[in-house]
Every structure is written in structure tokens, then in C-alpha cells.
C-alpha atoms as a PDB file:
ATOM      1  CA  UNK A   1      15.301  17.524 -21.984  1.00  0.00           C
ATOM      2  CA  UNK A   2      15.074  21.334 -22.302  1.00  0.00           C
ATOM      3  CA  UNK A   3      15.393  21.091 -26.086  1.00  0.00           C
ATOM      4  CA  UNK A   4      12.634  18.480 -26.156  1.00  0.00           C
ATOM      5  CA  UNK A   5      10.318  20.736 -24.140  1.00  0.00           C
ATOM      6  CA  UNK A   6      11.075  23.660 -26.418  1.00  0.00           C
ATOM      7  CA  UNK A   7      10.377  21.566 -29.513  1.00  0.00           C
ATOM      8  CA  UNK A   8       7.124  20.328 -27.991  1.00  0.00           C
ATOM      9  CA  UNK A   9       5.968  23.864 -27.213  1.00  0.00           C
ATOM     10  CA  UNK A  10       6.869  25.055 -30.711  1.00  0.00           C
ATOM     11  CA  UNK A  11       4.922  22.173 -32.273  1.00  0.00           C
ATOM     12  CA  UNK A  12       1.842  22.831 -30.157  1.00  0.00           C
ATOM     13  CA  UNK A  13       1.825  26.546 -30.946  1.00  0.00           C
ATOM     14  CA  UNK A  14       2.326  25.918 -34.663  1.00  0.00           C
ATOM     15  CA  UNK A  15      -0.499  23.383 -34.797  1.00  0.00           C
ATOM     16  CA  UNK A  16      -2.859  25.778 -33.042  1.00  0.00           C
ATOM     17  CA  UNK A  17      -1.879  28.704 -35.256  1.00  0.00           C
ATOM     18  CA  UNK A  18      -2.173  26.755 -38.513  1.00  0.00           C
ATOM     19  CA  UNK A  19      -5.548  25.371 -37.424  1.00  0.00           C
ATOM     20  CA  UNK A  20      -6.824  28.915 -36.784  1.00  0.00           C
ATOM     21  CA  UNK A  21      -5.537  30.103 -40.143  1.00  0.00           C
ATOM     22  CA  UNK A  22      -7.095  27.131 -41.929  1.00  0.00           C
ATOM     23  CA  UNK A  23     -10.441  27.793 -40.256  1.00  0.00           C
ATOM     24  CA  UNK A  24     -10.360  31.471 -41.209  1.00  0.00           C
ATOM     25  CA  UNK A  25      -9.331  30.605 -44.776  1.00  0.00           C
ATOM     26  CA  UNK A  26     -12.157  28.071 -45.105  1.00  0.00           C
ATOM     27  CA  UNK A  27     -14.763  30.571 -43.874  1.00  0.00           C
ATOM     28  CA  UNK A  28     -13.486  33.267 -46.227  1.00  0.00           C
ATOM     29  CA  UNK A  29     -13.539  30.928 -49.233  1.00  0.00           C
ATOM     30  CA  UNK A  30     -17.118  29.841 -48.534  1.00  0.00           C
ATOM     31  CA  UNK A  31     -18.278  33.469 -48.314  1.00  0.00           C
ATOM     32  CA  UNK A  32     -16.559  34.456 -51.532  1.00  0.00           C
ATOM     33  CA  UNK A  33     -18.021  31.521 -53.455  1.00  0.00           C
ATOM     34  CA  UNK A  34     -21.506  32.613 -52.427  1.00  0.00           C
ATOM     35  CA  UNK A  35     -21.055  36.255 -53.561  1.00  0.00           C
ATOM     36  CA  UNK A  36     -18.678  36.183 -56.547  1.00  0.00           C
ATOM     37  CA  UNK A  37     -17.753  34.245 -59.683  1.00  0.00           C
ATOM     38  CA  UNK A  38     -15.316  31.313 -59.667  1.00  0.00           C
ATOM     39  CA  UNK A  39     -12.460  33.284 -61.159  1.00  0.00           C
ATOM     40  CA  UNK A  40     -12.767  36.194 -58.745  1.00  0.00           C
ATOM     41  CA  UNK A  41     -13.034  33.796 -55.798  1.00  0.00           C
ATOM     42  CA  UNK A  42      -9.777  32.123 -56.877  1.00  0.00           C
ATOM     43  CA  UNK A  43      -8.006  35.492 -57.003  1.00  0.00           C
ATOM     44  CA  UNK A  44      -9.347  36.479 -53.620  1.00  0.00           C
ATOM     45  CA  UNK A  45      -8.246  33.133 -52.105  1.00  0.00           C
ATOM     46  CA  UNK A  46      -4.714  33.810 -53.324  1.00  0.00           C
ATOM     47  CA  UNK A  47      -4.889  37.272 -51.788  1.00  0.00           C
ATOM     48  CA  UNK A  48      -6.054  35.911 -48.424  1.00  0.00           C
ATOM     49  CA  UNK A  49      -3.393  33.186 -48.298  1.00  0.00           C
ATOM     50  CA  UNK A  50      -0.577  35.690 -48.547  1.00  0.00           C
ATOM     51  CA  UNK A  51      -1.084  37.230 -45.066  1.00  0.00           C
ATOM     52  CA  UNK A  52      -1.329  33.719 -43.600  1.00  0.00           C
ATOM     53  CA  UNK A  53       2.055  32.789 -45.048  1.00  0.00           C
ATOM     54  CA  UNK A  54       3.530  36.055 -43.788  1.00  0.00           C
ATOM     55  CA  UNK A  55       2.106  35.433 -40.316  1.00  0.00           C
ATOM     56  CA  UNK A  56       3.598  31.938 -40.161  1.00  0.00           C
ATOM     57  CA  UNK A  57       6.954  33.330 -41.273  1.00  0.00           C
ATOM     58  CA  UNK A  58       6.739  35.988 -38.580  1.00  0.00           C
ATOM     59  CA  UNK A  59       5.835  33.356 -35.997  1.00  0.00           C
ATOM     60  CA  UNK A  60       8.823  31.182 -36.917  1.00  0.00           C
ATOM     61  CA  UNK A  61      11.223  34.102 -37.029  1.00  0.00           C
ATOM     62  CA  UNK A  62      11.631  34.237 -33.250  1.00  0.00           C
ATOM     63  CA  UNK A  63      12.647  30.585 -33.011  1.00  0.00           C
ATOM     64  CA  UNK A  64      12.338  28.435 -29.883  1.00  0.00           C
ATOM     65  CA  UNK A  65      13.547  31.333 -27.730  1.00  0.00           C
ATOM     66  CA  UNK A  66      10.317  33.192 -28.482  1.00  0.00           C
ATOM     67  CA  UNK A  67       8.165  30.348 -27.098  1.00  0.00           C
ATOM     68  CA  UNK A  68      10.429  29.617 -24.144  1.00  0.00           C
ATOM     69  CA  UNK A  69      10.627  33.196 -22.963  1.00  0.00           C
ATOM     70  CA  UNK A  70       9.864  33.620 -19.239  1.00  0.00           C
ATOM     71  CA  UNK A  71       6.395  35.021 -19.911  1.00  0.00           C
ATOM     72  CA  UNK A  72       5.169  32.366 -22.361  1.00  0.00           C
ATOM     73  CA  UNK A  73       7.037  29.447 -20.778  1.00  0.00           C
ATOM     74  CA  UNK A  74       5.448  30.143 -17.403  1.00  0.00           C
ATOM     75  CA  UNK A  75       1.943  29.849 -18.844  1.00  0.00           C
ATOM     76  CA  UNK A  76       2.794  26.684 -20.761  1.00  0.00           C
ATOM     77  CA  UNK A  77       4.297  24.996 -17.718  1.00  0.00           C
ATOM     78  CA  UNK A  78       1.285  25.932 -15.622  1.00  0.00           C
ATOM     79  CA  UNK A  79      -1.032  24.294 -18.157  1.00  0.00           C
ATOM     80  CA  UNK A  80       1.107  21.146 -18.283  1.00  0.00           C
ATOM     81  CA  UNK A  81       1.232  20.992 -14.476  1.00  0.00           C
ATOM     82  CA  UNK A  82      -2.531  21.456 -14.224  1.00  0.00           C
ATOM     83  CA  UNK A  83      -3.218  18.662 -16.730  1.00  0.00           C
ATOM     84  CA  UNK A  84      -0.824  16.346 -14.876  1.00  0.00           C
ATOM     85  CA  UNK A  85      -2.517  17.025 -11.547  1.00  0.00           C
ATOM     86  CA  UNK A  86      -5.980  16.488 -13.011  1.00  0.00           C
ATOM     87  CA  UNK A  87      -4.959  13.136 -14.499  1.00  0.00           C
ATOM     88  CA  UNK A  88      -3.407  11.903 -11.236  1.00  0.00           C
ATOM     89  CA  UNK A  89      -5.946  13.424  -8.834  1.00  0.00           C
ATOM     90  CA  UNK A  90      -8.402  10.460  -8.752  1.00  0.00           C
ATOM     91  CA  UNK A  91      -5.648   7.951  -7.953  1.00  0.00           C
ATOM     92  CA  UNK A  92      -4.140  10.216  -5.295  1.00  0.00           C
ATOM     93  CA  UNK A  93      -7.558  10.791  -3.738  1.00  0.00           C
ATOM     94  CA  UNK A  94      -8.253   7.046  -3.555  1.00  0.00           C
ATOM     95  CA  UNK A  95      -4.974   6.463  -1.743  1.00  0.00           C
ATOM     96  CA  UNK A  96      -6.176   8.711   1.102  1.00  0.00           C
ATOM     97  CA  UNK A  97      -9.314   6.642   1.676  1.00  0.00           C
ATOM     98  CA  UNK A  98     -10.258   3.194   2.920  1.00  0.00           C
ATOM     99  CA  UNK A  99     -10.122   1.845  -0.645  1.00  0.00           C
ATOM    100  CA  UNK A 100      -6.631   0.344  -0.274  1.00  0.00           C
ATOM    101  CA  UNK A 101      -7.531  -1.912   2.646  1.00  0.00           C
ATOM    102  CA  UNK A 102     -10.865  -3.016   1.205  1.00  0.00           C
ATOM    103  CA  UNK A 103      -9.678  -3.859  -2.302  1.00  0.00           C
ATOM    104  CA  UNK A 104      -6.653  -5.819  -1.017  1.00  0.00           C
ATOM    105  CA  UNK A 105      -8.821  -7.868   1.362  1.00  0.00           C
ATOM    106  CA  UNK A 106     -11.337  -8.638  -1.382  1.00  0.00           C
ATOM    107  CA  UNK A 107      -8.512  -9.700  -3.687  1.00  0.00           C
ATOM    108  CA  UNK A 108      -7.120 -12.047  -1.035  1.00  0.00           C
ATOM    109  CA  UNK A 109     -10.609 -13.456  -0.492  1.00  0.00           C
ATOM    110  CA  UNK A 110     -10.891 -14.333  -4.166  1.00  0.00           C
ATOM    111  CA  UNK A 111      -7.525 -16.078  -4.085  1.00  0.00           C
ATOM    112  CA  UNK A 112      -8.455 -17.975  -0.927  1.00  0.00           C
ATOM    113  CA  UNK A 113     -11.641 -19.247  -2.542  1.00  0.00           C
ATOM    114  CA  UNK A 114      -9.685 -20.296  -5.620  1.00  0.00           C
ATOM    115  CA  UNK A 115     -12.375 -19.036  -7.995  1.00  0.00           C
ATOM    116  CA  UNK A 116      -9.816 -17.491 -10.369  1.00  0.00           C
ATOM    117  CA  UNK A 117     -11.599 -14.503 -11.956  1.00  0.00           C
ATOM    118  CA  UNK A 118     -14.893 -14.822 -10.083  1.00  0.00           C
ATOM    119  CA  UNK A 119     -16.201 -12.455  -8.856  1.00  0.00           C
ATOM    120  CA  UNK A 120     -14.872 -10.267 -11.693  1.00  0.00           C
ATOM    121  CA  UNK A 121     -12.417  -7.487 -10.930  1.00  0.00           C
ATOM    122  CA  UNK A 122     -15.017  -4.886 -11.905  1.00  0.00           C
ATOM    123  CA  UNK A 123     -17.399  -6.227  -9.266  1.00  0.00           C
ATOM    124  CA  UNK A 124     -14.698  -6.276  -6.595  1.00  0.00           C
ATOM    125  CA  UNK A 125     -13.610  -2.736  -7.457  1.00  0.00           C
ATOM    126  CA  UNK A 126     -17.185  -1.446  -7.466  1.00  0.00           C
ATOM    127  CA  UNK A 127     -17.873  -3.023  -4.064  1.00  0.00           C
ATOM    128  CA  UNK A 128     -14.665  -1.502  -2.683  1.00  0.00           C
ATOM    129  CA  UNK A 129     -15.619   1.922  -4.059  1.00  0.00           C
ATOM    130  CA  UNK A 130     -19.117   1.841  -2.554  1.00  0.00           C
ATOM    131  CA  UNK A 131     -17.781   0.705   0.811  1.00  0.00           C
ATOM    132  CA  UNK A 132     -15.130   3.429   0.685  1.00  0.00           C
ATOM    133  CA  UNK A 133     -17.842   5.976  -0.064  1.00  0.00           C
ATOM    134  CA  UNK A 134     -19.745   4.834   3.018  1.00  0.00           C
ATOM    135  CA  UNK A 135     -16.675   5.003   5.248  1.00  0.00           C
ATOM    136  CA  UNK A 136     -15.391   8.332   3.911  1.00  0.00           C
ATOM    137  CA  UNK A 137     -18.687  10.257   3.815  1.00  0.00           C
ATOM    138  CA  UNK A 138     -18.211  11.906   7.260  1.00  0.00           C
ATOM    139  CA  UNK A 139     -14.661  12.950   6.372  1.00  0.00           C
ATOM    140  CA  UNK A 140     -15.662  14.368   3.000  1.00  0.00           C
ATOM    141  CA  UNK A 141     -18.510  16.279   4.634  1.00  0.00           C
ATOM    142  CA  UNK A 142     -15.949  17.924   6.903  1.00  0.00           C
ATOM    143  CA  UNK A 143     -13.805  18.800   3.885  1.00  0.00           C
ATOM    144  CA  UNK A 144     -16.810  20.404   2.210  1.00  0.00           C
ATOM    145  CA  UNK A 145     -17.856  22.375   5.290  1.00  0.00           C
ATOM    146  CA  UNK A 146     -14.360  23.557   6.188  1.00  0.00           C
ATOM    147  CA  UNK A 147     -12.827  24.204   2.766  1.00  0.00           C
ATOM    148  CA  UNK A 148     -15.032  23.886  -0.313  1.00  0.00           C
ATOM    149  CA  UNK A 149     -18.069  25.804   0.948  1.00  0.00           C
ATOM    150  CA  UNK A 150     -16.154  28.733   2.519  1.00  0.00           C
ATOM    151  CA  UNK A 151     -14.006  29.067  -0.603  1.00  0.00           C
ATOM    152  CA  UNK A 152     -17.004  29.047  -2.955  1.00  0.00           C
ATOM    153  CA  UNK A 153     -18.777  31.637  -0.769  1.00  0.00           C
ATOM    154  CA  UNK A 154     -15.735  33.905  -0.664  1.00  0.00           C
ATOM    155  CA  UNK A 155     -15.034  33.536   3.050  1.00  0.00           C
ATOM    156  CA  UNK A 156     -11.670  32.005   2.122  1.00  0.00           C
ATOM    157  CA  UNK A 157      -9.987  33.863  -0.730  1.00  0.00           C
ATOM    158  CA  UNK A 158      -6.571  32.210  -0.764  1.00  0.00           C
ATOM    159  CA  UNK A 159      -6.534  28.794  -2.529  1.00  0.00           C
ATOM    160  CA  UNK A 160      -3.636  27.668  -0.330  1.00  0.00           C
ATOM    161  CA  UNK A 161      -5.651  28.350   2.830  1.00  0.00           C
ATOM    162  CA  UNK A 162      -8.592  26.408   1.385  1.00  0.00           C
ATOM    163  CA  UNK A 163      -6.306  23.497   0.528  1.00  0.00           C
ATOM    164  CA  UNK A 164      -4.818  23.407   4.027  1.00  0.00           C
ATOM    165  CA  UNK A 165      -8.276  23.530   5.585  1.00  0.00           C
ATOM    166  CA  UNK A 166      -9.486  20.691   3.355  1.00  0.00           C
ATOM    167  CA  UNK A 167      -6.456  18.508   4.033  1.00  0.00           C
ATOM    168  CA  UNK A 168      -6.861  18.568   7.815  1.00  0.00           C
ATOM    169  CA  UNK A 169      -9.942  16.237   8.010  1.00  0.00           C
ATOM    170  CA  UNK A 170      -8.230  13.774   5.664  1.00  0.00           C
ATOM    171  CA  UNK A 171      -5.044  13.851   7.752  1.00  0.00           C
ATOM    172  CA  UNK A 172      -7.090  13.249  10.898  1.00  0.00           C
ATOM    173  CA  UNK A 173      -8.768  10.238   9.280  1.00  0.00           C
ATOM    174  CA  UNK A 174      -5.440   8.768   8.195  1.00  0.00           C
ATOM    175  CA  UNK A 175      -3.791   9.409  11.557  1.00  0.00           C
ATOM    176  CA  UNK A 176      -6.734   7.830  13.385  1.00  0.00           C
ATOM    177  CA  UNK A 177      -6.427   4.650  11.322  1.00  0.00           C
ATOM    178  CA  UNK A 178      -2.685   4.557  11.960  1.00  0.00           C
ATOM    179  CA  UNK A 179      -3.266   4.920  15.700  1.00  0.00           C
ATOM    180  CA  UNK A 180      -5.984   2.251  15.772  1.00  0.00           C
ATOM    181  CA  UNK A 181      -3.641  -0.184  14.021  1.00  0.00           C
ATOM    182  CA  UNK A 182      -0.690   0.694  16.247  1.00  0.00           C
ATOM    183  CA  UNK A 183       1.485   1.591  13.265  1.00  0.00           C
ATOM    184  CA  UNK A 184       2.666   5.004  14.431  1.00  0.00           C
ATOM    185  CA  UNK A 185       6.285   3.956  13.818  1.00  0.00           C
ATOM    186  CA  UNK A 186       5.577   4.091  10.085  1.00  0.00           C
ATOM    187  CA  UNK A 187       4.944   7.833  10.353  1.00  0.00           C
ATOM    188  CA  UNK A 188       8.350   8.484  11.913  1.00  0.00           C
ATOM    189  CA  UNK A 189       9.948   6.178   9.354  1.00  0.00           C
ATOM    190  CA  UNK A 190       8.904   8.477   6.505  1.00  0.00           C
ATOM    191  CA  UNK A 191       9.280  11.635   8.598  1.00  0.00           C
ATOM    192  CA  UNK A 192      12.985  10.916   9.111  1.00  0.00           C
ATOM    193  CA  UNK A 193      13.495  10.829   5.339  1.00  0.00           C
ATOM    194  CA  UNK A 194      11.911  14.230   4.712  1.00  0.00           C
ATOM    195  CA  UNK A 195      14.217  16.999   3.467  1.00  0.00           C
ATOM    196  CA  UNK A 196      15.800  18.990   6.280  1.00  0.00           C
ATOM    197  CA  UNK A 197      13.869  22.168   5.426  1.00  0.00           C
ATOM    198  CA  UNK A 198      10.527  20.353   5.841  1.00  0.00           C
ATOM    199  CA  UNK A 199      11.362  18.924   9.270  1.00  0.00           C
ATOM    200  CA  UNK A 200      10.798  20.900  12.439  1.00  0.00           C
ATOM    201  CA  UNK A 201      13.543  21.651  14.906  1.00  0.00           C
ATOM    202  CA  UNK A 202      11.407  19.921  17.542  1.00  0.00           C
ATOM    203  CA  UNK A 203       9.629  16.589  16.919  1.00  0.00           C
ATOM    204  CA  UNK A 204       5.938  17.019  16.040  1.00  0.00           C
ATOM    205  CA  UNK A 205       3.599  16.762  19.006  1.00  0.00           C
ATOM    206  CA  UNK A 206       0.621  15.576  16.932  1.00  0.00           C
ATOM    207  CA  UNK A 207      -0.118  14.143  13.527  1.00  0.00           C
ATOM    208  CA  UNK A 208      -1.506  17.521  12.425  1.00  0.00           C
ATOM    209  CA  UNK A 209       2.047  18.846  12.441  1.00  0.00           C
ATOM    210  CA  UNK A 210       3.371  16.016  10.264  1.00  0.00           C
ATOM    211  CA  UNK A 211       3.628  16.987   6.560  1.00  0.00           C
ATOM    212  CA  UNK A 212       1.331  15.241   4.132  1.00  0.00           C
ATOM    213  CA  UNK A 213       4.355  13.816   2.281  1.00  0.00           C
ATOM    214  CA  UNK A 214       5.131  11.657   5.325  1.00  0.00           C
ATOM    215  CA  UNK A 215       1.699  10.743   6.649  1.00  0.00           C
ATOM    216  CA  UNK A 216       0.275   9.634   3.276  1.00  0.00           C
ATOM    217  CA  UNK A 217       2.806   6.828   2.540  1.00  0.00           C
ATOM    218  CA  UNK A 218       2.701   5.855   6.226  1.00  0.00           C
ATOM    219  CA  UNK A 219      -1.075   5.508   5.963  1.00  0.00           C
ATOM    220  CA  UNK A 220      -0.802   3.336   2.846  1.00  0.00           C
ATOM    221  CA  UNK A 221       1.804   1.111   4.497  1.00  0.00           C
ATOM    222  CA  UNK A 222      -0.404   0.762   7.570  1.00  0.00           C
ATOM    223  CA  UNK A 223      -3.400  -0.128   5.395  1.00  0.00           C
ATOM    224  CA  UNK A 224      -1.418  -2.849   3.629  1.00  0.00           C
ATOM    225  CA  UNK A 225      -0.367  -4.355   6.960  1.00  0.00           C
ATOM    226  CA  UNK A 226      -3.958  -4.425   8.211  1.00  0.00           C
ATOM    227  CA  UNK A 227      -5.229  -5.862   4.921  1.00  0.00           C
ATOM    228  CA  UNK A 228      -2.690  -8.683   5.046  1.00  0.00           C
ATOM    229  CA  UNK A 229      -3.634  -9.523   8.640  1.00  0.00           C
ATOM    230  CA  UNK A 230      -7.316  -9.669   7.714  1.00  0.00           C
ATOM    231  CA  UNK A 231      -6.435 -11.704   4.630  1.00  0.00           C
ATOM    232  CA  UNK A 232      -4.588 -14.231   6.799  1.00  0.00           C
ATOM    233  CA  UNK A 233      -7.688 -14.700   8.945  1.00  0.00           C
ATOM    234  CA  UNK A 234      -9.725 -15.284   5.790  1.00  0.00           C
ATOM    235  CA  UNK A 235      -7.168 -17.637   4.258  1.00  0.00           C
ATOM    236  CA  UNK A 236      -6.736 -19.883   7.296  1.00  0.00           C
ATOM    237  CA  UNK A 237     -10.049 -21.850   7.226  1.00  0.00           C
ATOM    238  CA  UNK A 238      -9.813 -22.364   3.467  1.00  0.00           C
ATOM    239  CA  UNK A 239      -6.213 -23.543   3.830  1.00  0.00           C
ATOM    240  CA  UNK A 240      -7.280 -26.121   6.414  1.00  0.00           C
ATOM    241  CA  UNK A 241     -10.050 -27.294   4.096  1.00  0.00           C
ATOM    242  CA  UNK A 242      -7.551 -27.669   1.238  1.00  0.00           C
ATOM    243  CA  UNK A 243      -5.240 -29.739   3.441  1.00  0.00           C
ATOM    244  CA  UNK A 244      -8.084 -32.021   4.568  1.00  0.00           C
ATOM    245  CA  UNK A 245      -9.301 -32.587   1.012  1.00  0.00           C
ATOM    246  CA  UNK A 246      -5.765 -33.229  -0.225  1.00  0.00           C
ATOM    247  CA  UNK A 247      -5.120 -35.761   2.563  1.00  0.00           C
ATOM    248  CA  UNK A 248      -8.392 -37.577   1.863  1.00  0.00           C
ATOM    249  CA  UNK A 249      -7.790 -37.810  -1.880  1.00  0.00           C
ATOM    250  CA  UNK A 250      -4.238 -39.116  -1.362  1.00  0.00           C
ATOM    251  CA  UNK A 251      -5.344 -41.674   1.218  1.00  0.00           C
ATOM    252  CA  UNK A 252      -8.004 -42.922  -1.194  1.00  0.00           C
ATOM    253  CA  UNK A 253      -5.414 -43.337  -3.946  1.00  0.00           C
ATOM    254  CA  UNK A 254      -6.950 -40.703  -6.223  1.00  0.00           C
ATOM    255  CA  UNK A 255      -3.609 -39.292  -7.305  1.00  0.00           C
ATOM    256  CA  UNK A 256      -4.836 -38.151 -10.718  1.00  0.00           C
ATOM    257  CA  UNK A 257      -7.745 -36.135  -9.305  1.00  0.00           C
ATOM    258  CA  UNK A 258      -6.757 -32.525  -8.555  1.00  0.00           C
ATOM    259  CA  UNK A 259      -7.835 -31.659  -4.997  1.00  0.00           C
ATOM    260  CA  UNK A 260      -9.069 -28.236  -6.125  1.00  0.00           C
ATOM    261  CA  UNK A 261     -11.925 -29.872  -8.045  1.00  0.00           C
ATOM    262  CA  UNK A 262     -13.303 -31.205  -4.764  1.00  0.00           C
ATOM    263  CA  UNK A 263     -12.272 -28.376  -2.443  1.00  0.00           C
ATOM    264  CA  UNK A 264     -13.762 -25.558  -4.525  1.00  0.00           C
ATOM    265  CA  UNK A 265     -17.423 -26.645  -4.123  1.00  0.00           C
ATOM    266  CA  UNK A 266     -16.788 -27.290  -0.430  1.00  0.00           C
ATOM    267  CA  UNK A 267     -15.273 -23.819  -0.028  1.00  0.00           C
ATOM    268  CA  UNK A 268     -18.245 -22.195  -1.704  1.00  0.00           C
ATOM    269  CA  UNK A 269     -20.660 -24.227   0.432  1.00  0.00           C
ATOM    270  CA  UNK A 270     -18.821 -23.302   3.621  1.00  0.00           C
ATOM    271  CA  UNK A 271     -18.657 -19.632   2.608  1.00  0.00           C
ATOM    272  CA  UNK A 272     -22.394 -19.501   1.926  1.00  0.00           C
ATOM    273  CA  UNK A 273     -23.372 -21.406   5.091  1.00  0.00           C
ATOM    274  CA  UNK A 274     -21.482 -19.032   7.385  1.00  0.00           C
ATOM    275  CA  UNK A 275     -22.746 -15.966   5.435  1.00  0.00           C
ATOM    276  CA  UNK A 276     -19.210 -15.081   4.457  1.00  0.00           C
ATOM    277  CA  UNK A 277     -19.919 -11.875   2.567  1.00  0.00           C
ATOM    278  CA  UNK A 278     -21.728 -10.340   5.530  1.00  0.00           C
ATOM    279  CA  UNK A 279     -18.976 -11.398   7.925  1.00  0.00           C
ATOM    280  CA  UNK A 280     -16.189  -9.965   5.779  1.00  0.00           C
ATOM    281  CA  UNK A 281     -17.968  -6.706   4.983  1.00  0.00           C
ATOM    282  CA  UNK A 282     -18.914  -6.142   8.625  1.00  0.00           C
ATOM    283  CA  UNK A 283     -15.349  -6.957   9.704  1.00  0.00           C
ATOM    284  CA  UNK A 284     -13.961  -4.442   7.231  1.00  0.00           C
ATOM    285  CA  UNK A 285     -16.378  -1.694   8.241  1.00  0.00           C
ATOM    286  CA  UNK A 286     -15.790  -2.252  11.939  1.00  0.00           C
ATOM    287  CA  UNK A 287     -12.028  -2.152  11.387  1.00  0.00           C
ATOM    288  CA  UNK A 288     -12.385   1.530  10.449  1.00  0.00           C
ATOM    289  CA  UNK A 289     -14.233   2.315  13.660  1.00  0.00           C
ATOM    290  CA  UNK A 290     -17.517   3.040  11.871  1.00  0.00           C
ATOM    291  CA  UNK A 291     -19.547   0.367  13.610  1.00  0.00           C
END
């Protein structure tokens, strides 16, 4: 693994260096062609290429040890770590919001209706995102007021202090949802599996003292439990309708007619008559304590 990382770093540095040399060579050739004859330009190009070859030779002379020295390796690893965090940040941020519960419930609703790919996944995801934005706006305002704004104004100079200040409103939101659902045991489940150095000698007295590594998976597990309970409530009337339609078709001797062909229009009619979208959206929003 270490050899692979060294080889990767060497390749990246070589590509960057050769690209710079090629750019400089191209600019020099264009200037010489504008100010001299073809023969002189060819001689000058040969003269310019010689230092480039010498520089590449000098660059390769140190070998992988030159690129993996403590000074250069530290900067390379920091860049790789930063790119990894930036690529994973949106997904991690979504997992700390109400998005998990909403998107799971909407997915179960689509399965209960039996409409296959309708509404499309893009529509379901967009609706879940907009609802999550509505639910999370107060929490994100607290993050901005307590962390982002003071850090940008220079009142907080340490990035770690700004991060800790910004995490607290999110932890309070997650802990509140866990408490409302009565799933506090999930927090201690993950807390018991933390490394010994991250656990306190005394049990935490509040969720603010629980590390983020424990409260985040506990929050996701709690959200999945709530989403499945809501999904069961949504599924139940449609399941009864499917059973009634299936019994009627069998009693009438229509064995070759799939019951779903009859039950699907009835499901859609029932869903529209009871204003199903409004009921489900209001139930989801009220489950977060926003109503």
C-alpha cells in the first residue's frame, strides 16, 4: 500500500512537471517563430529542450524517497484528505438531517401504491430535500450564528473551536429526535463500542457529552425505525384493499386477471379522495415537532 501511494505521488508530480515544461516550451517556440527565421528557431528549440531534460533527470534522481519525505508527504496527504472530505461532505451532511426519514417514507409509499417508478425517484428525492430544508432551517441558522459568522468575522480564530460550536446545534437536533422517538437506548448501544480513550470515566449526563461518532449512527438508526413505523401505517389500508380485491376476483372466478390491475386504480382513487399527499406530508412534518 505504501509503495502504491509513493508511485501515485511520483506520477502526479511528474505529470505536473512535464505539463509545465511543455507549456513553457510551447510559449518559447511561438515567440521565436515570430522573431527569427525557421533555421534559427529550430536551433533555439534544441537549446531550450536541453534544460528541460536536465530538470527531469534531476527530478527523478531523488527517487520515491524524495516525494515521500516528511515535508512533501505531509502536504500531499493533506490534499488527499481534503479532497476526500469534500467529496463525502454532502452525504454526511444529509445523514444529520431529516432527509433519511422522509425519503424512506416516500419510498415505502410508492411501493404501497404499487405504481412501480411513479412518481420518479428524482421527484421523490427533490420533495424530500425541500422538506428537509424546511425542517432544518432553524438548526442551520443556529449553526451560522454560532460558528460560521463568528469565524468569518474573526471572533473565533481556531477552526476546531468553530467546528465544535457548529456541531452543537446539529447534535441537539439529533438528540431531540431520538428522545421524541424513545430510542435513547440506541445512543448507549454505539457509545459502548467507542474506543476506551473516547469514553468518559463517568457516563455522560446529557447528549452534548456524547461524541459525534456515537450519536450520528444512533440518530440514523432511530430515523429508520420511525420511518418503518410510519410506512406500516401507510401500507395497512392499501394492504386491506389488495386483500379485498383479490378475494373478489377469486370468488368471481377471474383467476387469469391479476388483482393489481383492479387494485391500482382503486388505490389511486382512495389516495386522492382522502388527500393522501397532504396527510403524509403533514404527518412527516409533525413527527419532527415542527408543527
